[in-house]
Amino acid sequence: MHPKKEYHETFLDINPLTGLVLKAAKRMQINVHIRKLPVFFETGNIRTLIFPVMYINESVLIDEASASKLKHVLLEASVVIGIPFVIMALGIVFGIVFIVLACRSRGIREEGTEVLIDSE
């Protein structure tokens, strides 16, 4: 027998954000150890071996409706996570615009002021 990991392993894929099971498989084989017992003559010509009795393969996969709901929830979560960064970026942009406008208006005022009374 040549077991392959992808066909014989037990696994559980869970979405870390929602805790929803996406894909799972439980695979198990029950074996019996058979050997010759000298006290029982009925086991006279039996070789010593591991005999497979039962193989269990239970697997589950998320359906399309649940997968689309999960995609929608994950999209909403990524948008909600990105909102604070957008607000911070807008705050920085508005702050820079305010500073530029304040400096520009101060420069215009200084150029437009004239000395009305000469101290001479």
PDB file of N, CA and C in Angstrom:
ATOM      1  N   MET A   1       0.847  -1.183   0.000  1.00  0.00           N
ATOM      2  CA  MET A   1       0.000   0.000   0.000  1.00  0.00           C
ATOM      3  C   MET A   1       0.888   1.240   0.000  1.00  0.00           C
ATOM      4  N   HIS A   2       0.516   2.213  -0.800  1.00  0.00           N
ATOM      5  CA  HIS A   2       1.277   3.455  -0.918  1.00  0.00           C
ATOM      6  C   HIS A   2       0.359   4.635  -0.575  1.00  0.00           C
ATOM      7  N   PRO A   3       0.307   5.019   0.710  1.00  0.00           N
ATOM      8  CA  PRO A   3      -0.592   6.121   1.091  1.00  0.00           C
ATOM      9  C   PRO A   3      -0.079   7.465   0.563  1.00  0.00           C
ATOM     10  N   LYS A   4      -1.030   8.313   0.195  1.00  0.00           N
ATOM     11  CA  LYS A   4      -0.729   9.673  -0.242  1.00  0.00           C
ATOM     12  C   LYS A   4      -1.348  10.642   0.763  1.00  0.00           C
ATOM     13  N   LYS A   5      -0.572  11.647   1.128  1.00  0.00           N
ATOM     14  CA  LYS A   5      -1.013  12.569   2.178  1.00  0.00           C
ATOM     15  C   LYS A   5      -2.335  13.245   1.839  1.00  0.00           C
ATOM     16  N   GLU A   6      -2.507  13.715   0.608  1.00  0.00           N
ATOM     17  CA  GLU A   6      -3.729  14.442   0.252  1.00  0.00           C
ATOM     18  C   GLU A   6      -4.976  13.563   0.260  1.00  0.00           C
ATOM     19  N   TYR A   7      -4.806  12.253   0.170  1.00  0.00           N
ATOM     20  CA  TYR A   7      -5.955  11.334   0.189  1.00  0.00           C
ATOM     21  C   TYR A   7      -6.226  10.749   1.570  1.00  0.00           C
ATOM     22  N   HIS A   8      -5.262  10.782   2.473  1.00  0.00           N
ATOM     23  CA  HIS A   8      -5.402  10.060   3.732  1.00  0.00           C
ATOM     24  C   HIS A   8      -5.291  10.908   4.995  1.00  0.00           C
ATOM     25  N   GLU A   9      -5.007  12.197   4.881  1.00  0.00           N
ATOM     26  CA  GLU A   9      -4.852  13.000   6.083  1.00  0.00           C
ATOM     27  C   GLU A   9      -6.190  13.527   6.596  1.00  0.00           C
ATOM     28  N   THR A  10      -6.223  13.807   7.888  1.00  0.00           N
ATOM     29  CA  THR A  10      -7.375  14.447   8.511  1.00  0.00           C
ATOM     30  C   THR A  10      -7.040  15.925   8.646  1.00  0.00           C
ATOM     31  N   PHE A  11      -7.984  16.792   8.221  1.00  0.00           N
ATOM     32  CA  PHE A  11      -7.714  18.232   8.281  1.00  0.00           C
ATOM     33  C   PHE A  11      -8.996  18.997   8.542  1.00  0.00           C
ATOM     34  N   LEU A  12      -8.821  20.259   8.935  1.00  0.00           N
ATOM     35  CA  LEU A  12      -9.937  21.152   9.219  1.00  0.00           C
ATOM     36  C   LEU A  12      -9.515  22.557   8.806  1.00  0.00           C
ATOM     37  N   ASP A  13     -10.167  23.112   7.787  1.00  0.00           N
ATOM     38  CA  ASP A  13      -9.897  24.477   7.330  1.00  0.00           C
ATOM     39  C   ASP A  13     -10.975  25.405   7.886  1.00  0.00           C
ATOM     40  N   ILE A  14     -10.550  26.355   8.729  1.00  0.00           N
ATOM     41  CA  ILE A  14     -11.481  27.286   9.370  1.00  0.00           C
ATOM     42  C   ILE A  14     -11.087  28.699   8.979  1.00  0.00           C
ATOM     43  N   ASN A  15     -12.079  29.522   8.638  1.00  0.00           N
ATOM     44  CA  ASN A  15     -11.818  30.926   8.362  1.00  0.00           C
ATOM     45  C   ASN A  15     -11.480  31.612   9.679  1.00  0.00           C
ATOM     46  N   PRO A  16     -10.329  32.273   9.775  1.00  0.00           N
ATOM     47  CA  PRO A  16      -9.916  32.858  11.061  1.00  0.00           C
ATOM     48  C   PRO A  16     -10.756  34.041  11.507  1.00  0.00           C
ATOM     49  N   LEU A  17     -11.395  34.746  10.574  1.00  0.00           N
ATOM     50  CA  LEU A  17     -12.179  35.922  10.946  1.00  0.00           C
ATOM     51  C   LEU A  17     -13.564  35.536  11.444  1.00  0.00           C
ATOM     52  N   THR A  18     -14.213  34.589  10.773  1.00  0.00           N
ATOM     53  CA  THR A  18     -15.591  34.236  11.113  1.00  0.00           C
ATOM     54  C   THR A  18     -15.701  32.948  11.913  1.00  0.00           C
ATOM     55  N   GLY A  19     -14.689  32.082  11.858  1.00  0.00           N
ATOM     56  CA  GLY A  19     -14.761  30.800  12.550  1.00  0.00           C
ATOM     57  C   GLY A  19     -15.582  29.766  11.799  1.00  0.00           C
ATOM     58  N   LEU A  20     -15.901  30.043  10.557  1.00  0.00           N
ATOM     59  CA  LEU A  20     -16.713  29.146   9.743  1.00  0.00           C
ATOM     60  C   LEU A  20     -15.842  28.041   9.147  1.00  0.00           C
ATOM     61  N   VAL A  21     -16.352  26.804   9.182  1.00  0.00           N
ATOM     62  CA  VAL A  21     -15.617  25.675   8.615  1.00  0.00           C
ATOM     63  C   VAL A  21     -15.773  25.706   7.100  1.00  0.00           C
ATOM     64  N   LEU A  22     -14.666  25.839   6.387  1.00  0.00           N
ATOM     65  CA  LEU A  22     -14.693  25.891   4.929  1.00  0.00           C
ATOM     66  C   LEU A  22     -14.594  24.500   4.317  1.00  0.00           C
ATOM     67  N   LYS A  23     -13.691  23.699   4.859  1.00  0.00           N
ATOM     68  CA  LYS A  23     -13.485  22.362   4.337  1.00  0.00           C
ATOM     69  C   LYS A  23     -12.926  21.512   5.467  1.00  0.00           C
ATOM     70  N   ALA A  24     -13.386  20.265   5.559  1.00  0.00           N
ATOM     71  CA  ALA A  24     -12.890  19.380   6.613  1.00  0.00           C
ATOM     72  C   ALA A  24     -12.965  17.943   6.128  1.00  0.00           C
ATOM     73  N   ALA A  25     -12.077  17.125   6.670  1.00  0.00           N
ATOM     74  CA  ALA A  25     -12.090  15.698   6.358  1.00  0.00           C
ATOM     75  C   ALA A  25     -11.552  14.929   7.550  1.00  0.00           C
ATOM     76  N   LYS A  26     -12.268  13.865   7.910  1.00  0.00           N
ATOM     77  CA  LYS A  26     -11.814  12.965   8.963  1.00  0.00           C
ATOM     78  C   LYS A  26     -11.659  11.594   8.324  1.00  0.00           C
ATOM     79  N   ARG A  27     -10.441  11.113   8.299  1.00  0.00           N
ATOM     80  CA  ARG A  27     -10.158   9.831   7.665  1.00  0.00           C
ATOM     81  C   ARG A  27      -9.468   8.938   8.678  1.00  0.00           C
ATOM     82  N   MET A  28      -9.951   7.703   8.758  1.00  0.00           N
ATOM     83  CA  MET A  28      -9.416   6.801   9.759  1.00  0.00           C
ATOM     84  C   MET A  28      -9.516   5.361   9.247  1.00  0.00           C
ATOM     85  N   GLN A  29      -8.537   4.569   9.598  1.00  0.00           N
ATOM     86  CA  GLN A  29      -8.549   3.158   9.225  1.00  0.00           C
ATOM     87  C   GLN A  29      -8.379   2.335  10.494  1.00  0.00           C
ATOM     88  N   ILE A  30      -9.217   1.309  10.623  1.00  0.00           N
ATOM     89  CA  ILE A  30      -9.130   0.405  11.771  1.00  0.00           C
ATOM     90  C   ILE A  30      -8.522  -0.896  11.283  1.00  0.00           C
ATOM     91  N   ASN A  31      -7.472  -1.332  11.970  1.00  0.00           N
ATOM     92  CA  ASN A  31      -6.748  -2.542  11.591  1.00  0.00           C
ATOM     93  C   ASN A  31      -6.782  -3.548  12.735  1.00  0.00           C
ATOM     94  N   VAL A  32      -6.591  -4.798  12.372  1.00  0.00           N
ATOM     95  CA  VAL A  32      -6.497  -5.871  13.356  1.00  0.00           C
ATOM     96  C   VAL A  32      -5.154  -6.570  13.156  1.00  0.00           C
ATOM     97  N   HIS A  33      -4.453  -6.759  14.257  1.00  0.00           N
ATOM     98  CA  HIS A  33      -3.176  -7.478  14.204  1.00  0.00           C
ATOM     99  C   HIS A  33      -3.496  -8.982  14.280  1.00  0.00           C
ATOM    100  N   ILE A  34      -3.122  -9.714  13.242  1.00  0.00           N
ATOM    101  CA  ILE A  34      -3.381 -11.157  13.187  1.00  0.00           C
ATOM    102  C   ILE A  34      -2.045 -11.889  13.270  1.00  0.00           C
ATOM    103  N   ARG A  35      -2.015 -12.882  14.149  1.00  0.00           N
ATOM    104  CA  ARG A  35      -0.803 -13.695  14.267  1.00  0.00           C
ATOM    105  C   ARG A  35      -1.164 -15.116  14.670  1.00  0.00           C
ATOM    106  N   LYS A  36      -0.240 -15.988  14.468  1.00  0.00           N
ATOM    107  CA  LYS A  36      -0.433 -17.398  14.801  1.00  0.00           C
ATOM    108  C   LYS A  36      -0.272 -17.583  16.306  1.00  0.00           C
ATOM    109  N   LEU A  37      -1.234 -18.276  16.919  1.00  0.00           N
ATOM    110  CA  LEU A  37      -1.168 -18.585  18.345  1.00  0.00           C
ATOM    111  C   LEU A  37      -0.926 -20.089  18.500  1.00  0.00           C
ATOM    112  N   PRO A  38       0.119 -20.459  19.168  1.00  0.00           N
ATOM    113  CA  PRO A  38       0.426 -21.888  19.265  1.00  0.00           C
ATOM    114  C   PRO A  38      -0.612 -22.689  20.054  1.00  0.00           C
ATOM    115  N   VAL A  39      -1.318 -22.049  20.976  1.00  0.00           N
ATOM    116  CA  VAL A  39      -2.306 -22.782  21.776  1.00  0.00           C
ATOM    117  C   VAL A  39      -3.594 -23.078  21.015  1.00  0.00           C
ATOM    118  N   PHE A  40      -3.863 -22.321  19.961  1.00  0.00           N
ATOM    119  CA  PHE A  40      -5.068 -22.558  19.160  1.00  0.00           C
ATOM    120  C   PHE A  40      -4.641 -23.166  17.832  1.00  0.00           C
ATOM    121  N   PHE A  41      -5.018 -24.418  17.625  1.00  0.00           N
ATOM    122  CA  PHE A  41      -4.623 -25.094  16.390  1.00  0.00           C
ATOM    123  C   PHE A  41      -5.374 -24.537  15.183  1.00  0.00           C
ATOM    124  N   GLU A  42      -6.495 -23.785  15.403  1.00  0.00           N
ATOM    125  CA  GLU A  42      -7.246 -23.176  14.304  1.00  0.00           C
ATOM    126  C   GLU A  42      -6.424 -22.118  13.565  1.00  0.00           C
ATOM    127  N   THR A  43      -5.423 -21.558  14.214  1.00  0.00           N
ATOM    128  CA  THR A  43      -4.584 -20.541  13.576  1.00  0.00           C
ATOM    129  C   THR A  43      -3.331 -21.153  12.966  1.00  0.00           C
ATOM    130  N   GLY A  44      -3.392 -22.407  12.587  1.00  0.00           N
ATOM    131  CA  GLY A  44      -2.248 -23.160  12.114  1.00  0.00           C
ATOM    132  C   GLY A  44      -1.475 -22.536  10.974  1.00  0.00           C
ATOM    133  N   ASN A  45      -2.098 -22.137   9.872  1.00  0.00           N
ATOM    134  CA  ASN A  45      -1.382 -21.642   8.692  1.00  0.00           C
ATOM    135  C   ASN A  45      -1.542 -20.134   8.474  1.00  0.00           C
ATOM    136  N   ILE A  46      -1.830 -19.420   9.503  1.00  0.00           N
ATOM    137  CA  ILE A  46      -2.030 -17.973   9.359  1.00  0.00           C
ATOM    138  C   ILE A  46      -0.697 -17.259   9.514  1.00  0.00           C
ATOM    139  N   ARG A  47      -0.427 -16.312   8.580  1.00  0.00           N
ATOM    140  CA  ARG A  47       0.767 -15.481   8.688  1.00  0.00           C
ATOM    141  C   ARG A  47       0.498 -14.329   9.649  1.00  0.00           C
ATOM    142  N   THR A  48       1.547 -13.774  10.189  1.00  0.00           N
ATOM    143  CA  THR A  48       1.423 -12.579  11.016  1.00  0.00           C
ATOM    144  C   THR A  48       1.281 -11.379  10.085  1.00  0.00           C
ATOM    145  N   LEU A  49       0.203 -10.608  10.278  1.00  0.00           N
ATOM    146  CA  LEU A  49      -0.050  -9.458   9.420  1.00  0.00           C
ATOM    147  C   LEU A  49      -0.987  -8.469  10.092  1.00  0.00           C
ATOM    148  N   ILE A  50      -1.048  -7.275   9.506  1.00  0.00           N
ATOM    149  CA  ILE A  50      -1.999  -6.238   9.912  1.00  0.00           C
ATOM    150  C   ILE A  50      -3.111  -6.257   8.872  1.00  0.00           C
ATOM    151  N   PHE A  51      -4.331  -6.579   9.318  1.00  0.00           N
ATOM    152  CA  PHE A  51      -5.457  -6.732   8.404  1.00  0.00           C
ATOM    153  C   PHE A  51      -6.384  -5.514   8.523  1.00  0.00           C
ATOM    154  N   PRO A  52      -6.615  -4.753   7.428  1.00  0.00           N
ATOM    155  CA  PRO A  52      -7.532  -3.605   7.500  1.00  0.00           C
ATOM    156  C   PRO A  52      -8.983  -4.073   7.560  1.00  0.00           C
ATOM    157  N   VAL A  53      -9.682  -3.601   8.568  1.00  0.00           N
ATOM    158  CA  VAL A  53     -11.079  -3.991   8.762  1.00  0.00           C
ATOM    159  C   VAL A  53     -12.026  -2.936   8.212  1.00  0.00           C
ATOM    160  N   MET A  54     -11.727  -1.670   8.504  1.00  0.00           N
ATOM    161  CA  MET A  54     -12.643  -0.616   8.106  1.00  0.00           C
ATOM    162  C   MET A  54     -11.869   0.660   7.806  1.00  0.00           C
ATOM    163  N   TYR A  55     -12.343   1.401   6.804  1.00  0.00           N
ATOM    164  CA  TYR A  55     -11.785   2.707   6.463  1.00  0.00           C
ATOM    165  C   TYR A  55     -12.934   3.707   6.472  1.00  0.00           C
ATOM    166  N   ILE A  56     -12.761   4.785   7.237  1.00  0.00           N
ATOM    167  CA  ILE A  56     -13.803   5.807   7.354  1.00  0.00           C
ATOM    168  C   ILE A  56     -13.289   7.079   6.697  1.00  0.00           C
ATOM    169  N   ASN A  57     -14.119   7.678   5.845  1.00  0.00           N
ATOM    170  CA  ASN A  57     -13.786   8.943   5.196  1.00  0.00           C
ATOM    171  C   ASN A  57     -15.007   9.842   5.283  1.00  0.00           C
ATOM    172  N   GLU A  58     -14.974  10.785   6.200  1.00  0.00           N
ATOM    173  CA  GLU A  58     -16.043  11.773   6.331  1.00  0.00           C
ATOM    174  C   GLU A  58     -15.477  13.113   5.914  1.00  0.00           C
ATOM    175  N   SER A  59     -16.126  13.765   4.961  1.00  0.00           N
ATOM    176  CA  SER A  59     -15.637  15.069   4.519  1.00  0.00           C
ATOM    177  C   SER A  59     -16.799  16.006   4.267  1.00  0.00           C
ATOM    178  N   VAL A  60     -16.501  17.301   4.388  1.00  0.00           N
ATOM    179  CA  VAL A  60     -17.510  18.330   4.187  1.00  0.00           C
ATOM    180  C   VAL A  60     -16.852  19.501   3.464  1.00  0.00           C
ATOM    181  N   LEU A  61     -17.641  20.164   2.617  1.00  0.00           N
ATOM    182  CA  LEU A  61     -17.179  21.314   1.852  1.00  0.00           C
ATOM    183  C   LEU A  61     -18.272  22.371   1.896  1.00  0.00           C
ATOM    184  N   ILE A  62     -17.892  23.617   2.041  1.00  0.00           N
ATOM    185  CA  ILE A  62     -18.864  24.712   2.124  1.00  0.00           C
ATOM    186  C   ILE A  62     -19.629  24.821   0.803  1.00  0.00           C
ATOM    187  N   ASP A  63     -20.938  25.076   0.896  1.00  0.00           N
ATOM    188  CA  ASP A  63     -21.755  25.197  -0.319  1.00  0.00           C
ATOM    189  C   ASP A  63     -21.624  26.594  -0.920  1.00  0.00           C
ATOM    190  N   GLU A  64     -22.109  26.771  -2.135  1.00  0.00           N
ATOM    191  CA  GLU A  64     -21.952  28.040  -2.868  1.00  0.00           C
ATOM    192  C   GLU A  64     -22.651  29.205  -2.176  1.00  0.00           C
ATOM    193  N   ALA A  65     -23.853  28.968  -1.633  1.00  0.00           N
ATOM    194  CA  ALA A  65     -24.587  30.057  -0.976  1.00  0.00           C
ATOM    195  C   ALA A  65     -23.821  30.565   0.242  1.00  0.00           C
ATOM    196  N   SER A  66     -23.315  29.657   1.045  1.00  0.00           N
ATOM    197  CA  SER A  66     -22.543  30.056   2.225  1.00  0.00           C
ATOM    198  C   SER A  66     -21.217  30.697   1.820  1.00  0.00           C
ATOM    199  N   ALA A  67     -20.611  30.211   0.745  1.00  0.00           N
ATOM    200  CA  ALA A  67     -19.352  30.793   0.276  1.00  0.00           C
ATOM    201  C   ALA A  67     -19.562  32.232  -0.187  1.00  0.00           C
ATOM    202  N   SER A  68     -20.665  32.500  -0.880  1.00  0.00           N
ATOM    203  CA  SER A  68     -20.919  33.876  -1.324  1.00  0.00           C
ATOM    204  C   SER A  68     -21.220  34.788  -0.130  1.00  0.00           C
ATOM    205  N   LYS A  69     -21.937  34.279   0.872  1.00  0.00           N
ATOM    206  CA  LYS A  69     -22.173  35.072   2.087  1.00  0.00           C
ATOM    207  C   LYS A  69     -20.854  35.381   2.793  1.00  0.00           C
ATOM    208  N   LEU A  70     -19.977  34.385   2.851  1.00  0.00           N
ATOM    209  CA  LEU A  70     -18.681  34.579   3.497  1.00  0.00           C
ATOM    210  C   LEU A  70     -17.846  35.618   2.747  1.00  0.00           C
ATOM    211  N   LYS A  71     -17.867  35.576   1.412  1.00  0.00           N
ATOM    212  CA  LYS A  71     -17.134  36.567   0.623  1.00  0.00           C
ATOM    213  C   LYS A  71     -17.657  37.975   0.901  1.00  0.00           C
ATOM    214  N   HIS A  72     -18.985  38.093   1.015  1.00  0.00           N
ATOM    215  CA  HIS A  72     -19.603  39.387   1.300  1.00  0.00           C
ATOM    216  C   HIS A  72     -19.178  39.892   2.677  1.00  0.00           C
ATOM    217  N   VAL A  73     -19.182  39.019   3.671  1.00  0.00           N
ATOM    218  CA  VAL A  73     -18.786  39.406   5.029  1.00  0.00           C
ATOM    219  C   VAL A  73     -17.316  39.817   5.065  1.00  0.00           C
ATOM    220  N   LEU A  74     -16.465  39.081   4.369  1.00  0.00           N
ATOM    221  CA  LEU A  74     -15.042  39.409   4.351  1.00  0.00           C
ATOM    222  C   LEU A  74     -14.780  40.722   3.621  1.00  0.00           C
ATOM    223  N   LEU A  75     -15.544  41.000   2.556  1.00  0.00           N
ATOM    224  CA  LEU A  75     -15.410  42.276   1.858  1.00  0.00           C
ATOM    225  C   LEU A  75     -15.805  43.430   2.769  1.00  0.00           C
ATOM    226  N   GLU A  76     -16.923  43.267   3.479  1.00  0.00           N
ATOM    227  CA  GLU A  76     -17.352  44.301   4.421  1.00  0.00           C
ATOM    228  C   GLU A  76     -16.302  44.517   5.506  1.00  0.00           C
ATOM    229  N   ALA A  77     -15.730  43.435   5.997  1.00  0.00           N
ATOM    230  CA  ALA A  77     -14.720  43.557   7.056  1.00  0.00           C
ATOM    231  C   ALA A  77     -13.488  44.298   6.547  1.00  0.00           C
ATOM    232  N   SER A  78     -13.067  44.007   5.325  1.00  0.00           N
ATOM    233  CA  SER A  78     -11.892  44.702   4.799  1.00  0.00           C
ATOM    234  C   SER A  78     -12.176  46.186   4.581  1.00  0.00           C
ATOM    235  N   VAL A  79     -13.398  46.522   4.170  1.00  0.00           N
ATOM    236  CA  VAL A  79     -13.771  47.935   4.010  1.00  0.00           C
ATOM    237  C   VAL A  79     -13.788  48.630   5.365  1.00  0.00           C
ATOM    238  N   VAL A  80     -14.363  47.978   6.365  1.00  0.00           N
ATOM    239  CA  VAL A  80     -14.438  48.574   7.699  1.00  0.00           C
ATOM    240  C   VAL A  80     -13.038  48.758   8.286  1.00  0.00           C
ATOM    241  N   ILE A  81     -12.146  47.824   8.029  1.00  0.00           N
ATOM    242  CA  ILE A  81     -10.783  47.946   8.527  1.00  0.00           C
ATOM    243  C   ILE A  81     -10.060  49.106   7.839  1.00  0.00           C
ATOM    244  N   GLY A  82     -10.374  49.371   6.575  1.00  0.00           N
ATOM    245  CA  GLY A  82      -9.703  50.427   5.824  1.00  0.00           C
ATOM    246  C   GLY A  82     -10.219  51.823   6.108  1.00  0.00           C
ATOM    247  N   ILE A  83     -11.393  51.973   6.696  1.00  0.00           N
ATOM    248  CA  ILE A  83     -11.995  53.294   6.935  1.00  0.00           C
ATOM    249  C   ILE A  83     -11.108  54.195   7.801  1.00  0.00           C
ATOM    250  N   PRO A  84     -10.548  53.729   8.918  1.00  0.00           N
ATOM    251  CA  PRO A  84      -9.696  54.638   9.708  1.00  0.00           C
ATOM    252  C   PRO A  84      -8.494  55.177   8.927  1.00  0.00           C
ATOM    253  N   PHE A  85      -7.923  54.363   8.048  1.00  0.00           N
ATOM    254  CA  PHE A  85      -6.782  54.824   7.260  1.00  0.00           C
ATOM    255  C   PHE A  85      -7.206  55.898   6.259  1.00  0.00           C
ATOM    256  N   VAL A  86      -8.384  55.748   5.691  1.00  0.00           N
ATOM    257  CA  VAL A  86      -8.903  56.761   4.763  1.00  0.00           C
ATOM    258  C   VAL A  86      -9.153  58.069   5.512  1.00  0.00           C
ATOM    259  N   ILE A  87      -9.718  57.978   6.699  1.00  0.00           N
ATOM    260  CA  ILE A  87      -9.986  59.183   7.501  1.00  0.00           C
ATOM    261  C   ILE A  87      -8.672  59.869   7.888  1.00  0.00           C
ATOM    262  N   MET A  88      -7.662  59.078   8.276  1.00  0.00           N
ATOM    263  CA  MET A  88      -6.364  59.678   8.609  1.00  0.00           C
ATOM    264  C   MET A  88      -5.736  60.353   7.393  1.00  0.00           C
ATOM    265  N   ALA A  89      -5.820  59.731   6.233  1.00  0.00           N
ATOM    266  CA  ALA A  89      -5.255  60.321   5.012  1.00  0.00           C
ATOM    267  C   ALA A  89      -5.969  61.619   4.668  1.00  0.00           C
ATOM    268  N   LEU A  90      -7.293  61.627   4.781  1.00  0.00           N
ATOM    269  CA  LEU A  90      -8.037  62.864   4.522  1.00  0.00           C
ATOM    270  C   LEU A  90      -7.655  63.957   5.516  1.00  0.00           C
ATOM    271  N   GLY A  91      -7.464  63.592   6.773  1.00  0.00           N
ATOM    272  CA  GLY A  91      -7.047  64.570   7.783  1.00  0.00           C
ATOM    273  C   GLY A  91      -5.692  65.167   7.457  1.00  0.00           C
ATOM    274  N   ILE A  92      -4.770  64.334   7.012  1.00  0.00           N
ATOM    275  CA  ILE A  92      -3.438  64.835   6.642  1.00  0.00           C
ATOM    276  C   ILE A  92      -3.533  65.773   5.441  1.00  0.00           C
ATOM    277  N   VAL A  93      -4.315  65.392   4.435  1.00  0.00           N
ATOM    278  CA  VAL A  93      -4.465  66.229   3.239  1.00  0.00           C
ATOM    279  C   VAL A  93      -5.107  67.563   3.609  1.00  0.00           C
ATOM    280  N   PHE A  94      -6.175  67.532   4.390  1.00  0.00           N
ATOM    281  CA  PHE A  94      -6.832  68.780   4.783  1.00  0.00           C
ATOM    282  C   PHE A  94      -5.910  69.630   5.655  1.00  0.00           C
ATOM    283  N   GLY A  95      -5.097  69.013   6.501  1.00  0.00           N
ATOM    284  CA  GLY A  95      -4.147  69.764   7.326  1.00  0.00           C
ATOM    285  C   GLY A  95      -3.114  70.470   6.469  1.00  0.00           C
ATOM    286  N   ILE A  96      -2.597  69.770   5.466  1.00  0.00           N
ATOM    287  CA  ILE A  96      -1.610  70.388   4.560  1.00  0.00           C
ATOM    288  C   ILE A  96      -2.244  71.535   3.788  1.00  0.00           C
ATOM    289  N   VAL A  97      -3.477  71.334   3.296  1.00  0.00           N
ATOM    290  CA  VAL A  97      -4.179  72.406   2.567  1.00  0.00           C
ATOM    291  C   VAL A  97      -4.393  73.612   3.484  1.00  0.00           C
ATOM    292  N   PHE A  98      -4.788  73.377   4.735  1.00  0.00           N
ATOM    293  CA  PHE A  98      -4.993  74.475   5.683  1.00  0.00           C
ATOM    294  C   PHE A  98      -3.699  75.247   5.921  1.00  0.00           C
ATOM    295  N   ILE A  99      -2.597  74.527   6.113  1.00  0.00           N
ATOM    296  CA  ILE A  99      -1.309  75.183   6.365  1.00  0.00           C
ATOM    297  C   ILE A  99      -0.892  76.015   5.152  1.00  0.00           C
ATOM    298  N   VAL A 100      -1.054  75.473   3.949  1.00  0.00           N
ATOM    299  CA  VAL A 100      -0.687  76.211   2.733  1.00  0.00           C
ATOM    300  C   VAL A 100      -1.550  77.459   2.598  1.00  0.00           C
ATOM    301  N   LEU A 101      -2.852  77.340   2.799  1.00  0.00           N
ATOM    302  CA  LEU A 101      -3.733  78.514   2.691  1.00  0.00           C
ATOM    303  C   LEU A 101      -3.432  79.547   3.770  1.00  0.00           C
ATOM    304  N   ALA A 102      -3.124  79.106   4.981  1.00  0.00           N
ATOM    305  CA  ALA A 102      -2.814  80.052   6.063  1.00  0.00           C
ATOM    306  C   ALA A 102      -1.520  80.799   5.761  1.00  0.00           C
ATOM    307  N   CYS A 103      -0.517  80.097   5.268  1.00  0.00           N
ATOM    308  CA  CYS A 103       0.760  80.760   4.928  1.00  0.00           C
ATOM    309  C   CYS A 103       0.576  81.712   3.744  1.00  0.00           C
ATOM    310  N   ARG A 104      -0.220  81.325   2.772  1.00  0.00           N
ATOM    311  CA  ARG A 104      -0.447  82.166   1.602  1.00  0.00           C
ATOM    312  C   ARG A 104      -1.197  83.447   2.004  1.00  0.00           C
ATOM    313  N   SER A 105      -2.214  83.329   2.850  1.00  0.00           N
ATOM    314  CA  SER A 105      -2.962  84.524   3.248  1.00  0.00           C
ATOM    315  C   SER A 105      -2.102  85.439   4.112  1.00  0.00           C
ATOM    316  N   ARG A 106      -1.209  84.891   4.933  1.00  0.00           N
ATOM    317  CA  ARG A 106      -0.297  85.710   5.732  1.00  0.00           C
ATOM    318  C   ARG A 106       0.678  86.450   4.818  1.00  0.00           C
ATOM    319  N   GLY A 107       1.151  85.818   3.770  1.00  0.00           N
ATOM    320  CA  GLY A 107       2.064  86.448   2.820  1.00  0.00           C
ATOM    321  C   GLY A 107       1.376  87.565   2.051  1.00  0.00           C
ATOM    322  N   ILE A 108       0.134  87.385   1.686  1.00  0.00           N
ATOM    323  CA  ILE A 108      -0.611  88.426   0.964  1.00  0.00           C
ATOM    324  C   ILE A 108      -0.824  89.626   1.874  1.00  0.00           C
ATOM    325  N   ARG A 109      -1.139  89.392   3.147  1.00  0.00           N
ATOM    326  CA  ARG A 109      -1.339  90.487   4.082  1.00  0.00           C
ATOM    327  C   ARG A 109      -0.062  91.284   4.277  1.00  0.00           C
ATOM    328  N   GLU A 110       1.060  90.615   4.386  1.00  0.00           N
ATOM    329  CA  GLU A 110       2.321  91.319   4.609  1.00  0.00           C
ATOM    330  C   GLU A 110       2.714  92.142   3.394  1.00  0.00           C
ATOM    331  N   GLU A 111       2.425  91.677   2.181  1.00  0.00           N
ATOM    332  CA  GLU A 111       2.745  92.445   0.978  1.00  0.00           C
ATOM    333  C   GLU A 111       1.810  93.638   0.823  1.00  0.00           C
ATOM    334  N   GLY A 112       0.571  93.490   1.261  1.00  0.00           N
ATOM    335  CA  GLY A 112      -0.412  94.552   1.078  1.00  0.00           C
ATOM    336  C   GLY A 112      -0.356  95.640   2.137  1.00  0.00           C
ATOM    337  N   THR A 113       0.350  95.475   3.197  1.00  0.00           N
ATOM    338  CA  THR A 113       0.402  96.507   4.236  1.00  0.00           C
ATOM    339  C   THR A 113       1.402  97.589   3.853  1.00  0.00           C
ATOM    340  N   GLU A 114       0.984  98.825   4.050  1.00  0.00           N
ATOM    341  CA  GLU A 114       1.860  99.963   3.754  1.00  0.00           C
ATOM    342  C   GLU A 114       2.045 100.772   5.029  1.00  0.00           C
ATOM    343  N   VAL A 115       3.149 101.449   5.071  1.00  0.00           N
ATOM    344  CA  VAL A 115       3.432 102.302   6.223  1.00  0.00           C
ATOM    345  C   VAL A 115       2.749 103.636   5.948  1.00  0.00           C
ATOM    346  N   LEU A 116       1.788 104.018   6.789  1.00  0.00           N
ATOM    347  CA  LEU A 116       1.045 105.230   6.583  1.00  0.00           C
ATOM    348  C   LEU A 116       1.718 106.433   7.251  1.00  0.00           C
ATOM    349  N   ILE A 117       2.331 106.246   8.368  1.00  0.00           N
ATOM    350  CA  ILE A 117       2.974 107.350   9.090  1.00  0.00           C
ATOM    351  C   ILE A 117       4.461 107.088   9.102  1.00  0.00           C
ATOM    352  N   ASP A 118       5.157 108.064   8.622  1.00  0.00           N
ATOM    353  CA  ASP A 118       6.620 107.974   8.608  1.00  0.00           C
ATOM    354  C   ASP A 118       7.125 108.634   9.882  1.00  0.00           C
ATOM    355  N   SER A 119       8.053 108.039  10.549  1.00  0.00           N
ATOM    356  CA  SER A 119       8.546 108.596  11.802  1.00  0.00           C
ATOM    357  C   SER A 119       9.533 109.734  11.592  1.00  0.00           C
ATOM    358  N   GLU A 120       9.819 110.138  10.400  1.00  0.00           N
ATOM    359  CA  GLU A 120      10.759 111.234  10.158  1.00  0.00           C
ATOM    360  C   GLU A 120      10.168 112.526  10.452  1.00  0.00           C
TER     361      GLU A 120
END
